Amino acid sequence: MARVAGIDLPKNKRIDVALRYLYGLGKATSNQILAKLGSAVDPATRVKDLTEQQVGMINTLVSKEYKVEGELRRELQANVQRLYEISSYRGFRHRRNLPVRGQRTRTNARTRRGRRKTIGAGKAAEAKPAAKA
């Protein structure tokens, strides 16, 4: 089992795909890491076929040159916290869990706002039967 930056990589995946399981690494960065390692690690190699030396090389390169996992999460959270503290518009939008980058909210924005809460005529429906009586 290969462990990089505190995360167990899936055994049966190719190493270029398995590196994407780390938070902060995508396709381009994964390919960039393997290009830096050159012929030491073939991108088509499965994780289960990597040697301890190859895993060590990947681990040292990722830890030295890239922010991944907890370090990156902390930095992003600190950025949002700074927006809260300076009372910026973006901080306000983050705090209220609304779209931050100018998207419309009259319709759509369901990902940020959550599931629809239908507000019906609840009190009006209760008041009518009482008026008849």
Foldseek 3Di string as FASTA:
>chain_A
DQAAPNDDFDQFDFQLVRVCVWAPDDNVNSVVLDVVVPPQGDRRDGNNPDDPVSSVSSRVCCVPPHDIDPRVVVVVVVVLVVCCVVVHPLNVCVVVQFDRPDDDDVDDRCVRVDDDDDDDPVVVVVVVVVVVD
